[in-house]
C-alpha atoms as a PDB file:
ATOM      1  CA  MET A   1       0.000   0.000   0.000  1.00  0.00           C
ATOM      2  CA  VAL A   2       0.992   3.614  -0.555  1.00  0.00           C
ATOM      3  CA  GLU A   3       2.640   5.352   2.403  1.00  0.00           C
ATOM      4  CA  PRO A   4       1.300   8.828   3.352  1.00  0.00           C
ATOM      5  CA  THR A   5       3.164  11.865   2.143  1.00  0.00           C
ATOM      6  CA  ALA A   6       3.404  14.351   5.003  1.00  0.00           C
ATOM      7  CA  ALA A   7       6.082  16.678   3.668  1.00  0.00           C
ATOM      8  CA  LEU A   8       3.821  19.671   3.042  1.00  0.00           C
ATOM      9  CA  GLU A   9       1.982  19.215   6.335  1.00  0.00           C
ATOM     10  CA  CYS A  10       5.281  19.100   8.210  1.00  0.00           C
ATOM     11  CA  LYS A  11       6.492  22.276   6.507  1.00  0.00           C
ATOM     12  CA  ILE A  12       3.318  24.185   7.257  1.00  0.00           C
ATOM     13  CA  MET A  13       1.956  22.708  10.476  1.00  0.00           C
ATOM     14  CA  GLY A  14       5.050  21.341  12.155  1.00  0.00           C
ATOM     15  CA  ALA A  15       6.273  17.747  12.440  1.00  0.00           C
ATOM     16  CA  ARG A  16       5.160  15.163  14.958  1.00  0.00           C
ATOM     17  CA  GLY A  17       7.437  13.705  17.577  1.00  0.00           C
ATOM     18  CA  MET A  18       8.154  10.015  18.007  1.00  0.00           C
ATOM     19  CA  ASP A  19       5.279   9.770  20.506  1.00  0.00           C
ATOM     20  CA  GLY A  20       2.858  11.243  17.960  1.00  0.00           C
ATOM     21  CA  SER A  21       2.647  14.621  19.670  1.00  0.00           C
ATOM     22  CA  ARG A  22       2.837  17.774  17.591  1.00  0.00           C
ATOM     23  CA  LYS A  23       6.188  19.556  17.754  1.00  0.00           C
ATOM     24  CA  PRO A  24       6.063  23.335  18.110  1.00  0.00           C
ATOM     25  CA  GLN A  25       6.118  25.214  14.825  1.00  0.00           C
ATOM     26  CA  SER A  26       9.262  27.022  13.795  1.00  0.00           C
ATOM     27  CA  ASN A  27       8.920  30.712  12.969  1.00  0.00           C
ATOM     28  CA  THR A  28       9.202  29.852   9.281  1.00  0.00           C
ATOM     29  CA  GLN A  29       6.373  27.322   9.511  1.00  0.00           C
ATOM     30  CA  ARG A  30       4.242  29.814  11.415  1.00  0.00           C
ATOM     31  CA  ALA A  31       5.011  32.520   8.860  1.00  0.00           C
ATOM     32  CA  VAL A  32       3.964  30.223   6.003  1.00  0.00           C
ATOM     33  CA  ALA A  33       0.688  29.336   7.722  1.00  0.00           C
ATOM     34  CA  GLU A  34      -0.159  32.923   8.674  1.00  0.00           C
ATOM     35  CA  LEU A  35       0.774  34.431   5.306  1.00  0.00           C
ATOM     36  CA  ARG A  36      -1.302  31.789   3.502  1.00  0.00           C
ATOM     37  CA  ALA A  37      -4.238  32.580   5.770  1.00  0.00           C
ATOM     38  CA  MET A  38      -3.893  36.318   5.060  1.00  0.00           C
ATOM     39  CA  ILE A  39      -3.734  35.687   1.309  1.00  0.00           C
ATOM     40  CA  PHE A  40      -6.839  33.482   1.320  1.00  0.00           C
ATOM     41  CA  ALA A  41      -8.712  35.955   3.564  1.00  0.00           C
ATOM     42  CA  GLY A  42      -7.847  38.833   1.210  1.00  0.00           C
ATOM     43  CA  GLU A  43      -5.806  40.687   3.829  1.00  0.00           C
ATOM     44  CA  LEU A  44      -2.898  40.471   1.386  1.00  0.00           C
ATOM     45  CA  GLY A  45      -4.696  41.236  -1.834  1.00  0.00           C
ATOM     46  CA  ALA A  46      -3.834  39.987  -5.299  1.00  0.00           C
ATOM     47  CA  GLY A  47      -1.223  42.206  -6.956  1.00  0.00           C
ATOM     48  CA  THR A  48      -0.167  43.946  -3.728  1.00  0.00           C
ATOM     49  CA  ASP A  49       3.448  44.403  -2.638  1.00  0.00           C
ATOM     50  CA  HIS A  50       4.748  43.908   0.893  1.00  0.00           C
ATOM     51  CA  LEU A  51       8.215  44.514   2.290  1.00  0.00           C
ATOM     52  CA  GLU A  52       9.725  41.770   4.412  1.00  0.00           C
ATOM     53  CA  SER A  53      10.093  44.258   7.276  1.00  0.00           C
ATOM     54  CA  GLU A  54       6.377  45.120   7.106  1.00  0.00           C
ATOM     55  CA  LEU A  55       5.342  41.466   7.202  1.00  0.00           C
ATOM     56  CA  ALA A  56       7.827  40.695   9.963  1.00  0.00           C
ATOM     57  CA  ASP A  57       6.278  43.450  12.089  1.00  0.00           C
ATOM     58  CA  ARG A  58       2.764  42.128  11.429  1.00  0.00           C
ATOM     59  CA  LEU A  59       3.780  38.607  12.382  1.00  0.00           C
ATOM     60  CA  GLY A  60       5.932  39.630  15.318  1.00  0.00           C
ATOM     61  CA  MET A  61       9.117  37.953  14.111  1.00  0.00           C
ATOM     62  CA  SER A  62      12.391  38.718  12.340  1.00  0.00           C
ATOM     63  CA  ARG A  63      12.774  39.124   8.591  1.00  0.00           C
ATOM     64  CA  THR A  64      14.642  35.814   8.083  1.00  0.00           C
ATOM     65  CA  PRO A  65      11.682  33.442   8.621  1.00  0.00           C
ATOM     66  CA  VAL A  66       9.475  35.776   6.593  1.00  0.00           C
ATOM     67  CA  ARG A  67      11.947  35.596   3.705  1.00  0.00           C
ATOM     68  CA  GLU A  68      12.117  31.785   3.988  1.00  0.00           C
ATOM     69  CA  ALA A  69       8.328  31.582   4.108  1.00  0.00           C
ATOM     70  CA  GLY A  70       8.100  33.792   1.031  1.00  0.00           C
ATOM     71  CA  LEU A  71      10.338  31.431  -0.903  1.00  0.00           C
ATOM     72  CA  MET A  72       8.125  28.491   0.057  1.00  0.00           C
ATOM     73  CA  LEU A  73       4.991  30.375  -0.978  1.00  0.00           C
ATOM     74  CA  GLU A  74       6.689  31.343  -4.239  1.00  0.00           C
ATOM     75  CA  ALA A  75       7.235  27.633  -4.967  1.00  0.00           C
ATOM     76  CA  GLN A  76       3.507  27.115  -4.388  1.00  0.00           C
ATOM     77  CA  GLY A  77       2.625  29.804  -6.934  1.00  0.00           C
ATOM     78  CA  LEU A  78       1.103  32.224  -4.424  1.00  0.00           C
ATOM     79  CA  VAL A  79       3.689  35.008  -4.398  1.00  0.00           C
ATOM     80  CA  GLU A  80       6.700  36.390  -6.240  1.00  0.00           C
ATOM     81  CA  MET A  81       9.833  37.339  -4.316  1.00  0.00           C
ATOM     82  CA  ARG A  82      11.514  40.436  -5.757  1.00  0.00           C
ATOM     83  CA  PRO A  83      14.974  41.634  -4.697  1.00  0.00           C
ATOM     84  CA  ARG A  84      14.799  44.769  -2.514  1.00  0.00           C
ATOM     85  CA  LYS A  85      11.056  45.047  -3.197  1.00  0.00           C
ATOM     86  CA  GLY A  86       9.792  42.248  -0.984  1.00  0.00           C
ATOM     87  CA  LEU A  87       6.884  39.990  -1.727  1.00  0.00           C
ATOM     88  CA  ARG A  88       4.159  40.442  -4.351  1.00  0.00           C
ATOM     89  CA  VAL A  89       0.949  38.459  -4.054  1.00  0.00           C
ATOM     90  CA  LEU A  90       0.367  36.966  -7.482  1.00  0.00           C
ATOM     91  CA  ALA A  91      -2.932  37.681  -9.178  1.00  0.00           C
ATOM     92  CA  LEU A  92      -4.769  34.980 -11.085  1.00  0.00           C
ATOM     93  CA  SER A  93      -7.175  35.626 -13.931  1.00  0.00           C
ATOM     94  CA  PRO A  94     -10.228  33.471 -14.696  1.00  0.00           C
ATOM     95  CA  ALA A  95      -8.245  32.100 -17.650  1.00  0.00           C
ATOM     96  CA  ASP A  96      -5.471  31.075 -15.234  1.00  0.00           C
ATOM     97  CA  MET A  97      -8.058  29.333 -13.057  1.00  0.00           C
ATOM     98  CA  ARG A  98      -9.446  27.458 -16.043  1.00  0.00           C
ATOM     99  CA  ASP A  99      -5.969  26.149 -16.848  1.00  0.00           C
ATOM    100  CA  VAL A 100      -5.349  25.124 -13.234  1.00  0.00           C
ATOM    101  CA  TYR A 101      -8.682  23.335 -12.998  1.00  0.00           C
ATOM    102  CA  ASP A 102      -8.036  21.496 -16.263  1.00  0.00           C
ATOM    103  CA  VAL A 103      -4.745  20.137 -14.928  1.00  0.00           C
ATOM    104  CA  LEU A 104      -6.165  19.192 -11.527  1.00  0.00           C
ATOM    105  CA  THR A 105      -9.191  17.547 -13.125  1.00  0.00           C
ATOM    106  CA  GLU A 106      -7.026  15.192 -15.169  1.00  0.00           C
ATOM    107  CA  LEU A 107      -4.523  14.396 -12.420  1.00  0.00           C
ATOM    108  CA  GLU A 108      -7.082  13.851  -9.669  1.00  0.00           C
ATOM    109  CA  SER A 109      -9.234  11.715 -11.969  1.00  0.00           C
ATOM    110  CA  LEU A 110      -6.189   9.586 -12.727  1.00  0.00           C
ATOM    111  CA  SER A 111      -5.594   9.270  -8.976  1.00  0.00           C
ATOM    112  CA  ALA A 112      -9.182   8.113  -8.453  1.00  0.00           C
ATOM    113  CA  GLU A 113      -8.762   5.443 -11.126  1.00  0.00           C
ATOM    114  CA  ARG A 114      -5.416   4.258  -9.710  1.00  0.00           C
ATOM    115  CA  ALA A 115      -6.830   4.172  -6.176  1.00  0.00           C
ATOM    116  CA  ALA A 116      -9.667   1.935  -7.359  1.00  0.00           C
ATOM    117  CA  GLN A 117      -7.155  -0.400  -8.983  1.00  0.00           C
ATOM    118  CA  ALA A 118      -4.973  -0.643  -5.878  1.00  0.00           C
ATOM    119  CA  GLY A 119      -7.153  -3.088  -3.955  1.00  0.00           C
ATOM    120  CA  TYR A 120      -7.543  -0.935  -0.848  1.00  0.00           C
ATOM    121  CA  THR A 121      -9.518  -2.228   2.121  1.00  0.00           C
ATOM    122  CA  LYS A 122     -12.132  -0.213   4.013  1.00  0.00           C
ATOM    123  CA  ASP A 123      -9.512   0.450   6.680  1.00  0.00           C
ATOM    124  CA  ASP A 124      -7.229   1.905   4.000  1.00  0.00           C
ATOM    125  CA  LEU A 125     -10.085   4.166   2.884  1.00  0.00           C
ATOM    126  CA  ALA A 126     -11.034   5.297   6.397  1.00  0.00           C
ATOM    127  CA  GLU A 127      -9.570   8.792   5.967  1.00  0.00           C
ATOM    128  CA  LEU A 128     -11.455   9.248   2.705  1.00  0.00           C
ATOM    129  CA  ALA A 129     -14.697   8.117   4.351  1.00  0.00           C
ATOM    130  CA  ALA A 130     -14.110  10.376   7.373  1.00  0.00           C
ATOM    131  CA  SER A 131     -13.656  13.425   5.164  1.00  0.00           C
ATOM    132  CA  ILE A 132     -17.006  12.737   3.471  1.00  0.00           C
ATOM    133  CA  SER A 133     -18.715  12.413   6.861  1.00  0.00           C
ATOM    134  CA  GLU A 134     -17.177  15.728   7.923  1.00  0.00           C
ATOM    135  CA  MET A 135     -18.371  17.375   4.713  1.00  0.00           C
ATOM    136  CA  GLN A 136     -21.921  16.164   5.339  1.00  0.00           C
ATOM    137  CA  ALA A 137     -21.886  17.295   8.971  1.00  0.00           C
ATOM    138  CA  ALA A 138     -20.651  20.742   7.918  1.00  0.00           C
ATOM    139  CA  LEU A 139     -23.322  20.908   5.218  1.00  0.00           C
ATOM    140  CA  ASP A 140     -26.013  20.010   7.765  1.00  0.00           C
ATOM    141  CA  ASP A 141     -24.713  22.814  10.024  1.00  0.00           C
ATOM    142  CA  ASP A 142     -24.475  25.239   7.083  1.00  0.00           C
ATOM    143  CA  ASP A 143     -20.798  25.734   7.945  1.00  0.00           C
ATOM    144  CA  ARG A 144     -19.171  26.481   4.607  1.00  0.00           C
ATOM    145  CA  VAL A 145     -15.700  26.987   6.098  1.00  0.00           C
ATOM    146  CA  ALA A 146     -15.749  23.560   7.785  1.00  0.00           C
ATOM    147  CA  TRP A 147     -17.113  22.037   4.595  1.00  0.00           C
ATOM    148  CA  ALA A 148     -14.229  23.512   2.593  1.00  0.00           C
ATOM    149  CA  ALA A 149     -11.671  22.131   5.062  1.00  0.00           C
ATOM    150  CA  ALA A 150     -13.196  18.645   4.820  1.00  0.00           C
ATOM    151  CA  ASP A 151     -13.316  18.962   1.027  1.00  0.00           C
ATOM    152  CA  ASP A 152      -9.588  19.730   1.036  1.00  0.00           C
ATOM    153  CA  ARG A 153      -9.016  16.582   3.123  1.00  0.00           C
ATOM    154  CA  PHE A 154     -10.922  14.467   0.607  1.00  0.00           C
ATOM    155  CA  HIS A 155      -8.991  15.728  -2.404  1.00  0.00           C
ATOM    156  CA  ALA A 156      -5.605  15.447  -0.694  1.00  0.00           C
ATOM    157  CA  GLU A 157      -6.327  11.897   0.441  1.00  0.00           C
ATOM    158  CA  LEU A 158      -7.620  10.916  -2.989  1.00  0.00           C
ATOM    159  CA  VAL A 159      -4.368  12.038  -4.602  1.00  0.00           C
ATOM    160  CA  ARG A 160      -2.328  10.251  -1.923  1.00  0.00           C
ATOM    161  CA  LEU A 161      -4.234   7.038  -2.530  1.00  0.00           C
ATOM    162  CA  GLY A 162      -3.436   7.320  -6.247  1.00  0.00           C
ATOM    163  CA  GLY A 163       0.161   6.511  -5.308  1.00  0.00           C
ATOM    164  CA  ASN A 164       1.993   8.627  -7.876  1.00  0.00           C
ATOM    165  CA  SER A 165       4.556  10.861  -6.152  1.00  0.00           C
ATOM    166  CA  ARG A 166       4.866  13.175  -9.146  1.00  0.00           C
ATOM    167  CA  VAL A 167       1.119  13.713  -9.286  1.00  0.00           C
ATOM    168  CA  ILE A 168       1.164  14.426  -5.538  1.00  0.00           C
ATOM    169  CA  GLY A 169       3.879  17.033  -6.067  1.00  0.00           C
ATOM    170  CA  ILE A 170       2.199  18.776  -9.006  1.00  0.00           C
ATOM    171  CA  VAL A 171      -1.210  18.865  -7.339  1.00  0.00           C
ATOM    172  CA  GLY A 172       0.380  20.167  -4.133  1.00  0.00           C
ATOM    173  CA  MET A 173       1.820  23.136  -6.025  1.00  0.00           C
ATOM    174  CA  MET A 174      -1.426  23.992  -7.798  1.00  0.00           C
ATOM    175  CA  VAL A 175      -4.190  23.281  -5.316  1.00  0.00           C
ATOM    176  CA  ASP A 176      -3.660  26.516  -3.352  1.00  0.00           C
ATOM    177  CA  GLN A 177      -4.648  28.474  -6.441  1.00  0.00           C
ATOM    178  CA  VAL A 178      -7.992  26.658  -6.523  1.00  0.00           C
ATOM    179  CA  ARG A 179      -8.457  27.397  -2.818  1.00  0.00           C
ATOM    180  CA  ARG A 180      -8.138  31.127  -3.530  1.00  0.00           C
ATOM    181  CA  ALA A 181     -10.972  31.048  -6.056  1.00  0.00           C
ATOM    182  CA  ARG A 182     -13.094  28.816  -3.842  1.00  0.00           C
ATOM    183  CA  ALA A 183     -12.562  31.067  -0.809  1.00  0.00           C
ATOM    184  CA  LEU A 184     -13.728  34.061  -2.842  1.00  0.00           C
ATOM    185  CA  THR A 185     -16.897  32.302  -4.038  1.00  0.00           C
ATOM    186  CA  LEU A 186     -17.581  30.060  -1.018  1.00  0.00           C
ATOM    187  CA  HIS A 187     -20.604  32.003   0.201  1.00  0.00           C
ATOM    188  CA  MET A 188     -21.878  32.862  -3.298  1.00  0.00           C
ATOM    189  CA  ARG A 189     -22.357  29.304  -4.495  1.00  0.00           C
ATOM    190  CA  PRO A 190     -25.387  27.079  -3.869  1.00  0.00           C
ATOM    191  CA  ALA A 191     -25.189  24.665  -0.933  1.00  0.00           C
ATOM    192  CA  PRO A 192     -22.620  22.021  -1.987  1.00  0.00           C
ATOM    193  CA  VAL A 193     -25.026  19.065  -1.825  1.00  0.00           C
ATOM    194  CA  LYS A 194     -23.916  17.744  -5.210  1.00  0.00           C
ATOM    195  CA  SER A 195     -20.279  17.841  -4.150  1.00  0.00           C
ATOM    196  CA  CYS A 196     -20.986  15.553  -1.182  1.00  0.00           C
ATOM    197  CA  ASP A 197     -22.933  13.181  -3.419  1.00  0.00           C
ATOM    198  CA  ASP A 198     -20.118  13.121  -5.990  1.00  0.00           C
ATOM    199  CA  HIS A 199     -17.537  12.307  -3.326  1.00  0.00           C
ATOM    200  CA  ARG A 200     -19.629   9.411  -2.071  1.00  0.00           C
ATOM    201  CA  GLY A 201     -19.834   8.130  -5.619  1.00  0.00           C
ATOM    202  CA  VAL A 202     -16.050   8.289  -6.010  1.00  0.00           C
ATOM    203  CA  TYR A 203     -15.571   6.517  -2.671  1.00  0.00           C
ATOM    204  CA  ASP A 204     -18.031   3.753  -3.606  1.00  0.00           C
ATOM    205  CA  ALA A 205     -16.307   3.202  -6.962  1.00  0.00           C
ATOM    206  CA  ILE A 206     -12.873   2.996  -5.322  1.00  0.00           C
ATOM    207  CA  ALA A 207     -14.146   0.587  -2.659  1.00  0.00           C
ATOM    208  CA  ALA A 208     -15.682  -1.572  -5.419  1.00  0.00           C
ATOM    209  CA  GLY A 209     -12.468  -1.555  -7.456  1.00  0.00           C
ATOM    210  CA  ASP A 210     -14.203   0.155 -10.399  1.00  0.00           C
ATOM    211  CA  GLY A 211     -11.478   2.363 -11.833  1.00  0.00           C
ATOM    212  CA  ALA A 212     -13.448   3.564 -14.860  1.00  0.00           C
ATOM    213  CA  SER A 213     -16.354   4.759 -12.737  1.00  0.00           C
ATOM    214  CA  ALA A 214     -14.086   6.384 -10.141  1.00  0.00           C
ATOM    215  CA  ARG A 215     -12.325   8.324 -12.886  1.00  0.00           C
ATOM    216  CA  SER A 216     -15.534   9.284 -14.681  1.00  0.00           C
ATOM    217  CA  ILE A 217     -17.393  10.453 -11.563  1.00  0.00           C
ATOM    218  CA  HIS A 218     -14.472  12.518 -10.317  1.00  0.00           C
ATOM    219  CA  HIS A 219     -13.830  14.041 -13.741  1.00  0.00           C
ATOM    220  CA  ALA A 220     -17.453  15.158 -13.966  1.00  0.00           C
ATOM    221  CA  HIS A 221     -17.285  16.481 -10.400  1.00  0.00           C
ATOM    222  CA  ARG A 222     -14.205  18.642 -11.034  1.00  0.00           C
ATOM    223  CA  THR A 223     -15.571  19.865 -14.362  1.00  0.00           C
ATOM    224  CA  HIS A 224     -18.820  20.940 -12.693  1.00  0.00           C
ATOM    225  CA  ALA A 225     -16.879  22.747  -9.950  1.00  0.00           C
ATOM    226  CA  LYS A 226     -14.748  24.544 -12.539  1.00  0.00           C
ATOM    227  CA  ASP A 227     -17.770  25.700 -14.535  1.00  0.00           C
ATOM    228  CA  MET A 228     -19.587  26.896 -11.407  1.00  0.00           C
ATOM    229  CA  ILE A 229     -16.653  28.849  -9.960  1.00  0.00           C
ATOM    230  CA  LEU A 230     -15.679  30.403 -13.292  1.00  0.00           C
ATOM    231  CA  GLY A 231     -19.331  31.328 -13.804  1.00  0.00           C
ATOM    232  CA  LEU A 232     -19.407  33.103 -10.429  1.00  0.00           C
ATOM    233  CA  LEU A 233     -16.166  34.932 -11.161  1.00  0.00           C
ATOM    234  CA  ASP A 234     -17.626  36.123 -14.460  1.00  0.00           C
ATOM    235  CA  LYS A 235     -21.010  37.044 -12.957  1.00  0.00           C
ATOM    236  CA  HIS A 236     -19.445  39.163 -10.241  1.00  0.00           C
ATOM    237  CA  ARG A 237     -16.811  40.569 -12.635  1.00  0.00           C
ATOM    238  CA  PHE A 238     -13.773  39.331 -10.766  1.00  0.00           C
ATOM    239  CA  HIS A 239     -11.035  39.873 -13.325  1.00  0.00           C
ATOM    240  CA  GLN A 240      -8.319  38.745 -10.946  1.00  0.00           C
ATOM    241  CA  ILE A 241      -8.121  36.947  -7.626  1.00  0.00           C
END
């Protein structure tokens, strides 16, 4: 079976000790997490420039971890580091989002197919099932933020189960860009009932070992999400995010 990939989680959230306890975050890890949160919340808007000294003051730390965090966020496609000018939050156009969604749709659909072919047991799929349960609970509570977090869990676990390290790496670099568009439209969209239903369908196909159905259901799911989010961006005249 495929071993979990925890590299990104360790960078952002801090590693676990040998006893399973969470080690304290370094300043760089905390800077990454807090800068990402500010970008997704719109506190650091698309196209804006920020000096390292300014961000260090806001985060209550020195410039070195802020610079290191900026380099990590640059690798994730969220910012651009410019010598002597600090950090620029990269803007994405709807056309950029369409390209990102097209790539993620193909790679995640491949992961769904490979996961179905891997012969996983229900225990192996427990994390996938738990994320769906969390999505449904959040939907019942009308908690869009909790739903989005559980949705992220589902997609990350699906890609992990696909077992292709290069796909995991590519998706990891691009998925934050989708999160930016989703965060902007999260409370504009209809209740994500269909998304929960689609995820159950993907889970059932993987559990049944039906690769073709897993791929087809997930492909249709991502395509629907792309069309809905791009439609909202167009309707509300968001030319960049």
